[in-house]
């Protein structure tokens, strides 16, 4: 009778340990997926944000306007 209880407890312990390992693996997979998704979204946001090329574009536009003004003054 005692030996039967020992066997049952060992079987239950193995089941609990296996279940815990499966849960830990599932947790790690979910965690990795969420980190990958977070990094992807951050990179998308970065790509959509105004970039430095916009400030260069604005600088070029200002320079063109200044040249046009100078040309008007010279011609007039």
PDB file of N, CA and C in Angstrom:
ATOM      1  N   UNK A   1       0.826  -1.198   0.000  1.00  0.00           N
ATOM      2  CA  UNK A   1       0.000   0.000   0.000  1.00  0.00           C
ATOM      3  C   UNK A   1       0.869   1.260   0.000  1.00  0.00           C
ATOM      4  N   UNK A   2       1.895   1.246   0.836  1.00  0.00           N
ATOM      5  CA  UNK A   2       2.793   2.394   0.910  1.00  0.00           C
ATOM      6  C   UNK A   2       3.537   2.573  -0.406  1.00  0.00           C
ATOM      7  N   UNK A   3       3.927   1.471  -0.971  1.00  0.00           N
ATOM      8  CA  UNK A   3       4.650   1.531  -2.234  1.00  0.00           C
ATOM      9  C   UNK A   3       3.766   2.097  -3.350  1.00  0.00           C
ATOM     10  N   UNK A   4       2.498   1.805  -3.322  1.00  0.00           N
ATOM     11  CA  UNK A   4       1.554   2.335  -4.297  1.00  0.00           C
ATOM     12  C   UNK A   4       1.443   3.858  -4.166  1.00  0.00           C
ATOM     13  N   UNK A   5       1.376   4.354  -2.927  1.00  0.00           N
ATOM     14  CA  UNK A   5       1.307   5.798  -2.696  1.00  0.00           C
ATOM     15  C   UNK A   5       2.589   6.482  -3.190  1.00  0.00           C
ATOM     16  N   UNK A   6       3.722   5.857  -2.957  1.00  0.00           N
ATOM     17  CA  UNK A   6       4.998   6.414  -3.401  1.00  0.00           C
ATOM     18  C   UNK A   6       5.002   6.519  -4.927  1.00  0.00           C
ATOM     19  N   UNK A   7       4.537   5.484  -5.583  1.00  0.00           N
ATOM     20  CA  UNK A   7       4.487   5.490  -7.045  1.00  0.00           C
ATOM     21  C   UNK A   7       3.532   6.569  -7.560  1.00  0.00           C
ATOM     22  N   UNK A   8       2.404   6.715  -6.899  1.00  0.00           N
ATOM     23  CA  UNK A   8       1.436   7.740  -7.303  1.00  0.00           C
ATOM     24  C   UNK A   8       2.018   9.147  -7.130  1.00  0.00           C
ATOM     25  N   UNK A   9       2.682   9.353  -6.008  1.00  0.00           N
ATOM     26  CA  UNK A   9       3.286  10.662  -5.742  1.00  0.00           C
ATOM     27  C   UNK A   9       4.392  10.967  -6.754  1.00  0.00           C
ATOM     28  N   UNK A  10       5.189   9.964  -7.082  1.00  0.00           N
ATOM     29  CA  UNK A  10       6.252  10.163  -8.069  1.00  0.00           C
ATOM     30  C   UNK A  10       5.659  10.501  -9.444  1.00  0.00           C
ATOM     31  N   UNK A  11       4.615   9.789  -9.805  1.00  0.00           N
ATOM     32  CA  UNK A  11       3.956  10.046 -11.087  1.00  0.00           C
ATOM     33  C   UNK A  11       3.363  11.456 -11.101  1.00  0.00           C
ATOM     34  N   UNK A  12       2.732  11.844 -10.006  1.00  0.00           N
ATOM     35  CA  UNK A  12       2.163  13.187  -9.930  1.00  0.00           C
ATOM     36  C   UNK A  12       3.265  14.247  -9.976  1.00  0.00           C
ATOM     37  N   UNK A  13       4.358  13.987  -9.278  1.00  0.00           N
ATOM     38  CA  UNK A  13       5.478  14.927  -9.280  1.00  0.00           C
ATOM     39  C   UNK A  13       6.045  15.088 -10.696  1.00  0.00           C
ATOM     40  N   UNK A  14       6.217  13.999 -11.410  1.00  0.00           N
ATOM     41  CA  UNK A  14       6.699  14.062 -12.792  1.00  0.00           C
ATOM     42  C   UNK A  14       5.735  14.868 -13.660  1.00  0.00           C
ATOM     43  N   UNK A  15       4.455  14.650 -13.454  1.00  0.00           N
ATOM     44  CA  UNK A  15       3.445  15.382 -14.218  1.00  0.00           C
ATOM     45  C   UNK A  15       3.521  16.878 -13.929  1.00  0.00           C
ATOM     46  N   UNK A  16       3.664  17.217 -12.669  1.00  0.00           N
ATOM     47  CA  UNK A  16       3.745  18.623 -12.273  1.00  0.00           C
ATOM     48  C   UNK A  16       4.998  19.270 -12.859  1.00  0.00           C
ATOM     49  N   UNK A  17       6.113  18.583 -12.787  1.00  0.00           N
ATOM     50  CA  UNK A  17       7.370  19.114 -13.313  1.00  0.00           C
ATOM     51  C   UNK A  17       7.270  19.296 -14.831  1.00  0.00           C
ATOM     52  N   UNK A  18       6.712  18.307 -15.525  1.00  0.00           N
ATOM     53  CA  UNK A  18       6.540  18.412 -16.975  1.00  0.00           C
ATOM     54  C   UNK A  18       5.635  19.592 -17.338  1.00  0.00           C
ATOM     55  N   UNK A  19       4.559  19.739 -16.603  1.00  0.00           N
ATOM     56  CA  UNK A  19       3.620  20.834 -16.863  1.00  0.00           C
ATOM     57  C   UNK A  19       4.291  22.191 -16.647  1.00  0.00           C
ATOM     58  N   UNK A  20       5.061  22.289 -15.573  1.00  0.00           N
ATOM     59  CA  UNK A  20       5.780  23.532 -15.277  1.00  0.00           C
ATOM     60  C   UNK A  20       6.762  23.861 -16.399  1.00  0.00           C
ATOM     61  N   UNK A  21       7.478  22.864 -16.882  1.00  0.00           N
ATOM     62  CA  UNK A  21       8.431  23.098 -17.976  1.00  0.00           C
ATOM     63  C   UNK A  21       7.708  23.557 -19.243  1.00  0.00           C
ATOM     64  N   UNK A  22       6.568  22.965 -19.544  1.00  0.00           N
ATOM     65  CA  UNK A  22       5.799  23.378 -20.724  1.00  0.00           C
ATOM     66  C   UNK A  22       5.316  24.814 -20.576  1.00  0.00           C
ATOM     67  N   UNK A  23       4.869  25.164 -19.373  1.00  0.00           N
ATOM     68  CA  UNK A  23       4.434  26.537 -19.121  1.00  0.00           C
ATOM     69  C   UNK A  23       5.587  27.530 -19.272  1.00  0.00           C
ATOM     70  N   UNK A  24       6.757  27.178 -18.760  1.00  0.00           N
ATOM     71  CA  UNK A  24       7.923  28.055 -18.886  1.00  0.00           C
ATOM     72  C   UNK A  24       8.319  28.232 -20.348  1.00  0.00           C
ATOM     73  N   UNK A  25       8.275  27.146 -21.115  1.00  0.00           N
ATOM     74  CA  UNK A  25       8.601  27.234 -22.542  1.00  0.00           C
ATOM     75  C   UNK A  25       7.588  28.118 -23.276  1.00  0.00           C
ATOM     76  N   UNK A  26       6.320  27.939 -22.973  1.00  0.00           N
ATOM     77  CA  UNK A  26       5.279  28.751 -23.613  1.00  0.00           C
ATOM     78  C   UNK A  26       5.457  30.218 -23.241  1.00  0.00           C
ATOM     79  N   UNK A  27       5.796  30.477 -21.987  1.00  0.00           N
ATOM     80  CA  UNK A  27       6.032  31.845 -21.531  1.00  0.00           C
ATOM     81  C   UNK A  27       7.190  32.474 -22.301  1.00  0.00           C
ATOM     82  N   UNK A  28       8.289  31.751 -22.433  1.00  0.00           N
ATOM     83  CA  UNK A  28       9.451  32.266 -23.148  1.00  0.00           C
ATOM     84  C   UNK A  28       9.137  32.532 -24.617  1.00  0.00           C
ATOM     85  N   UNK A  29       8.361  31.658 -25.235  1.00  0.00           N
ATOM     86  CA  UNK A  29       7.979  31.867 -26.631  1.00  0.00           C
ATOM     87  C   UNK A  29       7.122  33.121 -26.775  1.00  0.00           C
ATOM     88  N   UNK A  30       6.187  33.287 -25.869  1.00  0.00           N
ATOM     89  CA  UNK A  30       5.320  34.472 -25.904  1.00  0.00           C
ATOM     90  C   UNK A  30       6.125  35.740 -25.658  1.00  0.00           C
ATOM     91  N   UNK A  31       7.034  35.667 -24.705  1.00  0.00           N
ATOM     92  CA  UNK A  31       7.888  36.806 -24.374  1.00  0.00           C
ATOM     93  C   UNK A  31       8.736  37.200 -25.578  1.00  0.00           C
ATOM     94  N   UNK A  32       9.333  36.221 -26.237  1.00  0.00           N
ATOM     95  CA  UNK A  32      10.151  36.493 -27.418  1.00  0.00           C
ATOM     96  C   UNK A  32       9.303  37.115 -28.526  1.00  0.00           C
ATOM     97  N   UNK A  33       8.122  36.581 -28.732  1.00  0.00           N
ATOM     98  CA  UNK A  33       7.228  37.126 -29.757  1.00  0.00           C
ATOM     99  C   UNK A  33       6.896  38.588 -29.456  1.00  0.00           C
ATOM    100  N   UNK A  34       6.587  38.880 -28.207  1.00  0.00           N
ATOM    101  CA  UNK A  34       6.233  40.251 -27.835  1.00  0.00           C
ATOM    102  C   UNK A  34       7.420  41.195 -27.984  1.00  0.00           C
ATOM    103  N   UNK A  35       8.621  40.738 -27.642  1.00  0.00           N
ATOM    104  CA  UNK A  35       9.806  41.572 -27.816  1.00  0.00           C
ATOM    105  C   UNK A  35      10.071  41.845 -29.297  1.00  0.00           C
ATOM    106  N   UNK A  36       9.910  40.819 -30.126  1.00  0.00           N
ATOM    107  CA  UNK A  36      10.077  40.999 -31.568  1.00  0.00           C
ATOM    108  C   UNK A  36       9.056  41.994 -32.106  1.00  0.00           C
ATOM    109  N   UNK A  37       7.819  41.856 -31.671  1.00  0.00           N
ATOM    110  CA  UNK A  37       6.755  42.762 -32.115  1.00  0.00           C
ATOM    111  C   UNK A  37       7.029  44.199 -31.659  1.00  0.00           C
ATOM    112  N   UNK A  38       7.488  44.337 -30.429  1.00  0.00           N
ATOM    113  CA  UNK A  38       7.823  45.660 -29.895  1.00  0.00           C
ATOM    114  C   UNK A  38       8.920  46.316 -30.738  1.00  0.00           C
ATOM    115  N   UNK A  39       9.957  45.557 -31.047  1.00  0.00           N
ATOM    116  CA  UNK A  39      11.049  46.100 -31.852  1.00  0.00           C
ATOM    117  C   UNK A  39      10.582  46.462 -33.258  1.00  0.00           C
ATOM    118  N   UNK A  40       9.714  45.646 -33.829  1.00  0.00           N
ATOM    119  CA  UNK A  40       9.181  45.928 -35.158  1.00  0.00           C
ATOM    120  C   UNK A  40       8.374  47.225 -35.152  1.00  0.00           C
ATOM    121  N   UNK A  41       7.510  47.377 -34.164  1.00  0.00           N
ATOM    122  CA  UNK A  41       6.672  48.578 -34.076  1.00  0.00           C
ATOM    123  C   UNK A  41       7.535  49.815 -33.848  1.00  0.00           C
ATOM    124  N   UNK A  42       8.566  49.688 -33.010  1.00  0.00           N
ATOM    125  CA  UNK A  42       9.462  50.822 -32.781  1.00  0.00           C
ATOM    126  C   UNK A  42      10.155  51.231 -34.074  1.00  0.00           C
ATOM    127  N   UNK A  43      10.598  50.243 -34.847  1.00  0.00           N
ATOM    128  CA  UNK A  43      11.268  50.577 -36.104  1.00  0.00           C
ATOM    129  C   UNK A  43      10.287  51.205 -37.088  1.00  0.00           C
ATOM    130  N   UNK A  44       9.037  50.749 -37.101  1.00  0.00           N
ATOM    131  CA  UNK A  44       8.023  51.350 -37.969  1.00  0.00           C
ATOM    132  C   UNK A  44       7.753  52.796 -37.553  1.00  0.00           C
ATOM    133  N   UNK A  45       7.645  53.041 -36.266  1.00  0.00           N
ATOM    134  CA  UNK A  45       7.422  54.401 -35.784  1.00  0.00           C
ATOM    135  C   UNK A  45       8.592  55.305 -36.143  1.00  0.00           C
ATOM    136  N   UNK A  46       9.783  54.753 -36.020  1.00  0.00           N
ATOM    137  CA  UNK A  46      10.970  55.527 -36.348  1.00  0.00           C
ATOM    138  C   UNK A  46      10.970  55.889 -37.837  1.00  0.00           C
ATOM    139  N   UNK A  47      10.560  54.939 -38.668  1.00  0.00           N
ATOM    140  CA  UNK A  47      10.517  55.185 -40.104  1.00  0.00           C
ATOM    141  C   UNK A  47       9.438  56.211 -40.462  1.00  0.00           C
ATOM    142  N   UNK A  48       8.357  56.231 -39.711  1.00  0.00           N
ATOM    143  CA  UNK A  48       7.266  57.153 -40.003  1.00  0.00           C
ATOM    144  C   UNK A  48       7.486  58.549 -39.427  1.00  0.00           C
ATOM    145  N   UNK A  49       8.368  58.658 -38.462  1.00  0.00           N
ATOM    146  CA  UNK A  49       8.631  59.954 -37.827  1.00  0.00           C
ATOM    147  C   UNK A  49       9.352  60.866 -38.811  1.00  0.00           C
ATOM    148  N   UNK A  50       9.183  62.174 -38.632  1.00  0.00           N
ATOM    149  CA  UNK A  50       9.909  63.097 -39.510  1.00  0.00           C
ATOM    150  C   UNK A  50      11.404  62.838 -39.390  1.00  0.00           C
ATOM    151  N   UNK A  51      12.031  62.678 -40.513  1.00  0.00           N
ATOM    152  CA  UNK A  51      13.455  62.348 -40.493  1.00  0.00           C
ATOM    153  C   UNK A  51      14.293  63.600 -40.686  1.00  0.00           C
ATOM    154  N   UNK A  52      15.591  63.415 -40.593  1.00  0.00           N
ATOM    155  CA  UNK A  52      16.500  64.534 -40.776  1.00  0.00           C
ATOM    156  C   UNK A  52      16.444  65.044 -42.206  1.00  0.00           C
ATOM    157  N   UNK A  53      16.054  64.199 -43.134  1.00  0.00           N
ATOM    158  CA  UNK A  53      15.980  64.652 -44.533  1.00  0.00           C
ATOM    159  C   UNK A  53      14.938  65.754 -44.689  1.00  0.00           C
ATOM    160  N   UNK A  54      13.917  65.755 -43.843  1.00  0.00           N
ATOM    161  CA  UNK A  54      12.934  66.841 -43.902  1.00  0.00           C
ATOM    162  C   UNK A  54      13.574  68.172 -43.507  1.00  0.00           C
ATOM    163  N   UNK A  55      14.438  68.168 -42.516  1.00  0.00           N
ATOM    164  CA  UNK A  55      15.097  69.412 -42.139  1.00  0.00           C
ATOM    165  C   UNK A  55      16.047  69.845 -43.237  1.00  0.00           C
ATOM    166  N   UNK A  56      16.667  68.914 -43.913  1.00  0.00           N
ATOM    167  CA  UNK A  56      17.527  69.259 -45.046  1.00  0.00           C
ATOM    168  C   UNK A  56      16.675  69.854 -46.159  1.00  0.00           C
ATOM    169  N   UNK A  57      15.510  69.254 -46.384  1.00  0.00           N
ATOM    170  CA  UNK A  57      14.606  69.771 -47.416  1.00  0.00           C
ATOM    171  C   UNK A  57      14.192  71.202 -47.085  1.00  0.00           C
ATOM    172  N   UNK A  58      13.862  71.446 -45.821  1.00  0.00           N
ATOM    173  CA  UNK A  58      13.479  72.802 -45.415  1.00  0.00           C
ATOM    174  C   UNK A  58      14.636  73.776 -45.612  1.00  0.00           C
ATOM    175  N   UNK A  59      15.847  73.358 -45.297  1.00  0.00           N
ATOM    176  CA  UNK A  59      17.017  74.211 -45.465  1.00  0.00           C
ATOM    177  C   UNK A  59      17.234  74.543 -46.935  1.00  0.00           C
ATOM    178  N   UNK A  60      17.072  73.539 -47.783  1.00  0.00           N
ATOM    179  CA  UNK A  60      17.226  73.757 -49.220  1.00  0.00           C
ATOM    180  C   UNK A  60      16.158  74.723 -49.720  1.00  0.00           C
ATOM    181  N   UNK A  61      14.929  74.547 -49.261  1.00  0.00           N
ATOM    182  CA  UNK A  61      13.849  75.450 -49.682  1.00  0.00           C
ATOM    183  C   UNK A  61      14.134  76.882 -49.244  1.00  0.00           C
ATOM    184  N   UNK A  62      14.632  77.051 -48.043  1.00  0.00           N
ATOM    185  CA  UNK A  62      14.974  78.397 -47.563  1.00  0.00           C
ATOM    186  C   UNK A  62      16.102  78.997 -48.401  1.00  0.00           C
ATOM    187  N   UNK A  63      17.085  78.160 -48.738  1.00  0.00           N
ATOM    188  CA  UNK A  63      18.202  78.649 -49.553  1.00  0.00           C
ATOM    189  C   UNK A  63      17.708  79.070 -50.938  1.00  0.00           C
ATOM    190  N   UNK A  64      16.823  78.286 -51.521  1.00  0.00           N
ATOM    191  CA  UNK A  64      16.271  78.612 -52.839  1.00  0.00           C
ATOM    192  C   UNK A  64      15.502  79.927 -52.762  1.00  0.00           C
ATOM    193  N   UNK A  65      14.698  80.088 -51.725  1.00  0.00           N
ATOM    194  CA  UNK A  65      13.949  81.338 -51.554  1.00  0.00           C
ATOM    195  C   UNK A  65      14.901  82.527 -51.409  1.00  0.00           C
ATOM    196  N   UNK A  66      15.973  82.340 -50.662  1.00  0.00           N
ATOM    197  CA  UNK A  66      16.947  83.415 -50.476  1.00  0.00           C
ATOM    198  C   UNK A  66      17.615  83.763 -51.796  1.00  0.00           C
ATOM    199  N   UNK A  67      17.947  82.760 -52.594  1.00  0.00           N
ATOM    200  CA  UNK A  67      18.569  83.010 -53.905  1.00  0.00           C
ATOM    201  C   UNK A  67      17.587  83.754 -54.807  1.00  0.00           C
ATOM    202  N   UNK A  68      16.328  83.350 -54.778  1.00  0.00           N
ATOM    203  CA  UNK A  68      15.322  84.046 -55.593  1.00  0.00           C
ATOM    204  C   UNK A  68      15.204  85.502 -55.180  1.00  0.00           C
ATOM    205  N   UNK A  69      15.192  85.752 -53.865  1.00  0.00           N
ATOM    206  CA  UNK A  69      15.118  87.143 -53.386  1.00  0.00           C
ATOM    207  C   UNK A  69      16.331  87.941 -53.828  1.00  0.00           C
ATOM    208  N   UNK A  70      17.506  87.317 -53.727  1.00  0.00           N
ATOM    209  CA  UNK A  70      18.737  88.004 -54.154  1.00  0.00           C
ATOM    210  C   UNK A  70      18.692  88.288 -55.646  1.00  0.00           C
ATOM    211  N   UNK A  71      18.227  87.319 -56.422  1.00  0.00           N
ATOM    212  CA  UNK A  71      18.135  87.506 -57.878  1.00  0.00           C
ATOM    213  C   UNK A  71      17.162  88.628 -58.212  1.00  0.00           C
ATOM    214  N   UNK A  72      16.053  88.733 -57.508  1.00  0.00           N
ATOM    215  CA  UNK A  72      15.079  89.794 -57.747  1.00  0.00           C
ATOM    216  C   UNK A  72      15.712  91.155 -57.466  1.00  0.00           C
ATOM    217  N   UNK A  73      16.514  91.240 -56.392  1.00  0.00           N
ATOM    218  CA  UNK A  73      17.156  92.512 -56.017  1.00  0.00           C
ATOM    219  C   UNK A  73      18.187  92.917 -57.070  1.00  0.00           C
ATOM    220  N   UNK A  74      18.916  91.925 -57.592  1.00  0.00           N
ATOM    221  CA  UNK A  74      19.939  92.215 -58.578  1.00  0.00           C
ATOM    222  C   UNK A  74      19.307  92.673 -59.894  1.00  0.00           C
ATOM    223  N   UNK A  75      18.225  91.999 -60.277  1.00  0.00           N
ATOM    224  CA  UNK A  75      17.550  92.321 -61.527  1.00  0.00           C
ATOM    225  C   UNK A  75      16.851  93.680 -61.420  1.00  0.00           C
ATOM    226  N   UNK A  76      16.308  94.001 -60.297  1.00  0.00           N
ATOM    227  CA  UNK A  76      15.550  95.246 -60.151  1.00  0.00           C
ATOM    228  C   UNK A  76      16.395  96.453 -60.029  1.00  0.00           C
TER     229      UNK A  76
END
